[in-house]
Amino acid sequence: MEVGISDEIITTLWSATRLEAAIRSRQLSSRELLAAYQRRVEALNPRINSIVTSDDARAHQATARADGLGARGRWLGPLHGLPFTVKDAIETAGLRSTGGAPELASHVPDTDAPAISRLSAVGEGSDDPAERGISVAASLRRADRQHGCHADA
């Protein structure tokens, strides 16, 4: 990670577009980015309780794969190496999904909700818009413009 860049700057001020650019330019690795987010969650979550279930093992596997592919010049798409959280109400295969309901405290779905399948397809580098169901690159650019964040900011 570039000297002088704090976890707070990376995890709160940099847009997804800028983070992805930093990964592609090797200014930041996917593993370093994940570690920065994990440190922020560890520092803040006890007070705000926003992360109910964490899948660190799968996150570490995904960042190792992204960094390995990136080192060989292969990119998974617009979300290459970016960690993300998913609302607990959205079913994710193999991960506890309670939707905030006490009666679902041990609910672990076998399949992903369609939104997770589409997000995973983008992360896997699918170029088929019909398979993805969304245009993440366009959505990221639009969100960046709406919130005043730019890759070069």
C-alpha atoms as a PDB file:
ATOM      1  CA  MET A   1       0.000   0.000   0.000  1.00  0.00           C
ATOM      2  CA  GLU A   2       1.213   3.469  -0.816  1.00  0.00           C
ATOM      3  CA  VAL A   3       2.830   5.212   2.151  1.00  0.00           C
ATOM      4  CA  GLY A   4       0.637   7.898   3.703  1.00  0.00           C
ATOM      5  CA  ILE A   5      -2.705   6.451   2.645  1.00  0.00           C
ATOM      6  CA  SER A   6      -4.747   5.598   5.733  1.00  0.00           C
ATOM      7  CA  ASP A   7      -7.405   2.924   6.077  1.00  0.00           C
ATOM      8  CA  GLU A   8      -9.934   5.681   6.677  1.00  0.00           C
ATOM      9  CA  ILE A   9      -9.135   7.418   3.390  1.00  0.00           C
ATOM     10  CA  ILE A  10      -9.289   4.181   1.425  1.00  0.00           C
ATOM     11  CA  THR A  11     -12.454   2.865   3.039  1.00  0.00           C
ATOM     12  CA  THR A  12     -14.456   6.093   3.220  1.00  0.00           C
ATOM     13  CA  LEU A  13     -13.244   8.528   0.571  1.00  0.00           C
ATOM     14  CA  TRP A  14     -12.175   6.424  -2.394  1.00  0.00           C
ATOM     15  CA  SER A  15     -14.867   5.387  -4.865  1.00  0.00           C
ATOM     16  CA  ALA A  16     -15.120   1.838  -6.183  1.00  0.00           C
ATOM     17  CA  THR A  17     -13.760   3.138  -9.481  1.00  0.00           C
ATOM     18  CA  ARG A  18     -10.690   4.598  -7.783  1.00  0.00           C
ATOM     19  CA  LEU A  19     -10.137   1.462  -5.686  1.00  0.00           C
ATOM     20  CA  GLU A  20     -10.285  -0.718  -8.790  1.00  0.00           C
ATOM     21  CA  ALA A  21      -7.826   1.601 -10.560  1.00  0.00           C
ATOM     22  CA  ALA A  22      -5.462   1.367  -7.572  1.00  0.00           C
ATOM     23  CA  ILE A  23      -5.624  -2.428  -7.738  1.00  0.00           C
ATOM     24  CA  ARG A  24      -4.973  -2.471 -11.500  1.00  0.00           C
ATOM     25  CA  SER A  25      -2.008  -0.122 -11.118  1.00  0.00           C
ATOM     26  CA  ARG A  26      -0.728  -2.234  -8.211  1.00  0.00           C
ATOM     27  CA  GLN A  27      -0.801   0.793  -5.909  1.00  0.00           C
ATOM     28  CA  LEU A  28      -2.938  -1.411  -3.680  1.00  0.00           C
ATOM     29  CA  SER A  29      -3.519  -5.165  -3.635  1.00  0.00           C
ATOM     30  CA  SER A  30      -6.898  -6.787  -3.108  1.00  0.00           C
ATOM     31  CA  ARG A  31      -5.528  -8.371   0.067  1.00  0.00           C
ATOM     32  CA  GLU A  32      -4.414  -4.979   1.414  1.00  0.00           C
ATOM     33  CA  LEU A  33      -7.813  -3.476   0.606  1.00  0.00           C
ATOM     34  CA  LEU A  34      -9.622  -6.321   2.360  1.00  0.00           C
ATOM     35  CA  ALA A  35      -7.361  -5.941   5.393  1.00  0.00           C
ATOM     36  CA  ALA A  36      -8.089  -2.181   5.525  1.00  0.00           C
ATOM     37  CA  TYR A  37     -11.834  -2.835   5.481  1.00  0.00           C
ATOM     38  CA  GLN A  38     -11.503  -5.579   8.087  1.00  0.00           C
ATOM     39  CA  ARG A  39      -9.621  -3.213  10.410  1.00  0.00           C
ATOM     40  CA  ARG A  40     -12.364  -0.586   9.980  1.00  0.00           C
ATOM     41  CA  VAL A  41     -15.069  -3.157  10.714  1.00  0.00           C
ATOM     42  CA  GLU A  42     -13.190  -4.345  13.818  1.00  0.00           C
ATOM     43  CA  ALA A  43     -12.856  -0.763  15.030  1.00  0.00           C
ATOM     44  CA  LEU A  44     -16.410   0.401  14.327  1.00  0.00           C
ATOM     45  CA  ASN A  45     -18.684  -2.632  14.404  1.00  0.00           C
ATOM     46  CA  PRO A  46     -18.803  -3.089  18.195  1.00  0.00           C
ATOM     47  CA  ARG A  47     -20.515   0.334  18.415  1.00  0.00           C
ATOM     48  CA  ILE A  48     -22.706   0.261  15.313  1.00  0.00           C
ATOM     49  CA  ASN A  49     -23.370  -3.479  14.892  1.00  0.00           C
ATOM     50  CA  SER A  50     -23.747  -3.264  11.120  1.00  0.00           C
ATOM     51  CA  ILE A  51     -21.929  -6.492  10.190  1.00  0.00           C
ATOM     52  CA  VAL A  52     -23.927  -9.454  11.472  1.00  0.00           C
ATOM     53  CA  THR A  53     -22.037 -12.292   9.783  1.00  0.00           C
ATOM     54  CA  SER A  54     -18.592 -12.122   8.230  1.00  0.00           C
ATOM     55  CA  ASP A  55     -17.197 -14.600   5.717  1.00  0.00           C
ATOM     56  CA  ASP A  56     -13.494 -13.906   6.111  1.00  0.00           C
ATOM     57  CA  ALA A  57     -12.371 -17.242   4.646  1.00  0.00           C
ATOM     58  CA  ARG A  58     -14.247 -16.707   1.375  1.00  0.00           C
ATOM     59  CA  ALA A  59     -13.104 -13.075   1.258  1.00  0.00           C
ATOM     60  CA  HIS A  60      -9.453 -14.101   1.646  1.00  0.00           C
ATOM     61  CA  GLN A  61      -9.828 -16.748  -1.066  1.00  0.00           C
ATOM     62  CA  ALA A  62     -11.382 -14.213  -3.425  1.00  0.00           C
ATOM     63  CA  THR A  63      -8.657 -11.610  -2.851  1.00  0.00           C
ATOM     64  CA  ALA A  64      -5.894 -14.190  -3.285  1.00  0.00           C
ATOM     65  CA  ARG A  65      -7.471 -15.239  -6.594  1.00  0.00           C
ATOM     66  CA  ALA A  66      -7.907 -11.625  -7.735  1.00  0.00           C
ATOM     67  CA  ASP A  67      -4.315 -10.722  -6.860  1.00  0.00           C
ATOM     68  CA  GLY A  68      -2.987 -13.856  -8.555  1.00  0.00           C
ATOM     69  CA  LEU A  69      -4.914 -13.195 -11.756  1.00  0.00           C
ATOM     70  CA  GLY A  70      -3.992  -9.497 -11.707  1.00  0.00           C
ATOM     71  CA  ALA A  71      -0.306 -10.403 -11.429  1.00  0.00           C
ATOM     72  CA  ARG A  72      -0.731 -12.303 -14.716  1.00  0.00           C
ATOM     73  CA  GLY A  73      -2.563  -9.397 -16.372  1.00  0.00           C
ATOM     74  CA  ARG A  74      -5.985 -11.048 -16.164  1.00  0.00           C
ATOM     75  CA  TRP A  75      -8.870  -9.015 -14.772  1.00  0.00           C
ATOM     76  CA  LEU A  76     -12.222 -10.234 -13.498  1.00  0.00           C
ATOM     77  CA  GLY A  77     -14.243  -7.212 -14.539  1.00  0.00           C
ATOM     78  CA  PRO A  78     -15.218  -3.867 -12.994  1.00  0.00           C
ATOM     79  CA  LEU A  79     -15.320  -5.262  -9.444  1.00  0.00           C
ATOM     80  CA  HIS A  80     -11.943  -7.022  -9.641  1.00  0.00           C
ATOM     81  CA  GLY A  81     -10.628  -7.516  -6.115  1.00  0.00           C
ATOM     82  CA  LEU A  82     -13.128  -5.203  -4.414  1.00  0.00           C
ATOM     83  CA  PRO A  83     -14.559  -6.496  -1.143  1.00  0.00           C
ATOM     84  CA  PHE A  84     -18.225  -5.825  -0.530  1.00  0.00           C
ATOM     85  CA  THR A  85     -20.926  -6.390   2.051  1.00  0.00           C
ATOM     86  CA  VAL A  86     -24.370  -7.782   1.433  1.00  0.00           C
ATOM     87  CA  LYS A  87     -27.468  -6.916   3.418  1.00  0.00           C
ATOM     88  CA  ASP A  88     -28.378  -9.766   5.751  1.00  0.00           C
ATOM     89  CA  ALA A  89     -31.855  -9.940   4.176  1.00  0.00           C
ATOM     90  CA  ILE A  90     -30.377 -11.050   0.831  1.00  0.00           C
ATOM     91  CA  GLU A  91     -29.725 -14.776   0.751  1.00  0.00           C
ATOM     92  CA  THR A  92     -26.135 -15.799   0.094  1.00  0.00           C
ATOM     93  CA  ALA A  93     -25.389 -19.499  -0.338  1.00  0.00           C
ATOM     94  CA  GLY A  94     -23.534 -20.974   2.607  1.00  0.00           C
ATOM     95  CA  LEU A  95     -23.722 -17.798   4.692  1.00  0.00           C
ATOM     96  CA  ARG A  96     -26.150 -17.092   7.512  1.00  0.00           C
ATOM     97  CA  SER A  97     -28.950 -14.840   6.222  1.00  0.00           C
ATOM     98  CA  THR A  98     -31.380 -13.806   8.956  1.00  0.00           C
ATOM     99  CA  GLY A  99     -33.079 -10.722   7.574  1.00  0.00           C
ATOM    100  CA  GLY A 100     -32.971  -9.478  11.162  1.00  0.00           C
ATOM    101  CA  ALA A 101     -35.558 -12.059  12.263  1.00  0.00           C
ATOM    102  CA  PRO A 102     -34.695 -13.987  15.441  1.00  0.00           C
ATOM    103  CA  GLU A 103     -36.486 -17.065  14.109  1.00  0.00           C
ATOM    104  CA  LEU A 104     -34.000 -17.152  11.189  1.00  0.00           C
ATOM    105  CA  ALA A 105     -30.902 -16.924  13.413  1.00  0.00           C
ATOM    106  CA  SER A 106     -29.569 -20.229  12.052  1.00  0.00           C
ATOM    107  CA  HIS A 107     -30.875 -19.918   8.459  1.00  0.00           C
ATOM    108  CA  VAL A 108     -28.137 -20.746   5.939  1.00  0.00           C
ATOM    109  CA  PRO A 109     -29.481 -20.832   2.351  1.00  0.00           C
ATOM    110  CA  ASP A 110     -28.225 -23.326  -0.234  1.00  0.00           C
ATOM    111  CA  THR A 111     -28.500 -20.898  -3.143  1.00  0.00           C
ATOM    112  CA  ASP A 112     -27.814 -17.238  -3.812  1.00  0.00           C
ATOM    113  CA  ALA A 113     -30.549 -14.675  -4.321  1.00  0.00           C
ATOM    114  CA  PRO A 114     -30.623 -13.397  -7.937  1.00  0.00           C
ATOM    115  CA  ALA A 115     -28.920 -10.135  -6.908  1.00  0.00           C
ATOM    116  CA  ILE A 116     -25.980 -12.088  -5.452  1.00  0.00           C
ATOM    117  CA  SER A 117     -25.744 -14.295  -8.553  1.00  0.00           C
ATOM    118  CA  ARG A 118     -25.587 -11.186 -10.752  1.00  0.00           C
ATOM    119  CA  LEU A 119     -23.014  -9.506  -8.519  1.00  0.00           C
ATOM    120  CA  SER A 120     -20.909 -12.671  -8.526  1.00  0.00           C
ATOM    121  CA  ALA A 121     -21.103 -12.842 -12.329  1.00  0.00           C
ATOM    122  CA  VAL A 122     -19.726  -9.299 -12.519  1.00  0.00           C
ATOM    123  CA  GLY A 123     -16.944 -10.220 -10.104  1.00  0.00           C
ATOM    124  CA  GLU A 124     -16.162 -13.292 -12.172  1.00  0.00           C
ATOM    125  CA  GLY A 125     -15.739 -11.112 -15.235  1.00  0.00           C
ATOM    126  CA  SER A 126     -18.776 -12.162 -17.220  1.00  0.00           C
ATOM    127  CA  ASP A 127     -19.061 -10.024 -20.349  1.00  0.00           C
ATOM    128  CA  ASP A 128     -22.638 -11.097 -21.066  1.00  0.00           C
ATOM    129  CA  PRO A 129     -24.968  -8.261 -19.960  1.00  0.00           C
ATOM    130  CA  ALA A 130     -27.943 -10.640 -20.026  1.00  0.00           C
ATOM    131  CA  GLU A 131     -26.152 -12.968 -17.604  1.00  0.00           C
ATOM    132  CA  ARG A 132     -25.105 -10.089 -15.373  1.00  0.00           C
ATOM    133  CA  GLY A 133     -28.507  -8.471 -15.503  1.00  0.00           C
ATOM    134  CA  ILE A 134     -26.899  -5.142 -14.620  1.00  0.00           C
ATOM    135  CA  SER A 135     -24.297  -2.779 -15.933  1.00  0.00           C
ATOM    136  CA  VAL A 136     -22.017  -2.301 -12.956  1.00  0.00           C
ATOM    137  CA  ALA A 137     -19.430  -0.163 -14.698  1.00  0.00           C
ATOM    138  CA  ALA A 138     -22.106   2.311 -15.778  1.00  0.00           C
ATOM    139  CA  SER A 139     -23.716   2.179 -12.337  1.00  0.00           C
ATOM    140  CA  LEU A 140     -20.385   2.879 -10.635  1.00  0.00           C
ATOM    141  CA  ARG A 141     -19.665   5.813 -12.929  1.00  0.00           C
ATOM    142  CA  ARG A 142     -23.172   7.218 -12.370  1.00  0.00           C
ATOM    143  CA  ALA A 143     -22.882   6.793  -8.582  1.00  0.00           C
ATOM    144  CA  ASP A 144     -19.449   8.424  -8.605  1.00  0.00           C
ATOM    145  CA  ARG A 145     -20.825  11.456 -10.465  1.00  0.00           C
ATOM    146  CA  GLN A 146     -23.863  11.711  -8.173  1.00  0.00           C
ATOM    147  CA  HIS A 147     -21.711  11.640  -5.050  1.00  0.00           C
ATOM    148  CA  GLY A 148     -18.890  13.814  -6.350  1.00  0.00           C
ATOM    149  CA  CYS A 149     -16.346  10.983  -6.311  1.00  0.00           C
ATOM    150  CA  HIS A 150     -14.117  10.384  -9.285  1.00  0.00           C
ATOM    151  CA  ALA A 151     -11.351   7.890 -10.023  1.00  0.00           C
ATOM    152  CA  ASP A 152      -8.856  10.717 -10.151  1.00  0.00           C
ATOM    153  CA  ALA A 153     -10.126  12.431  -6.999  1.00  0.00           C
END
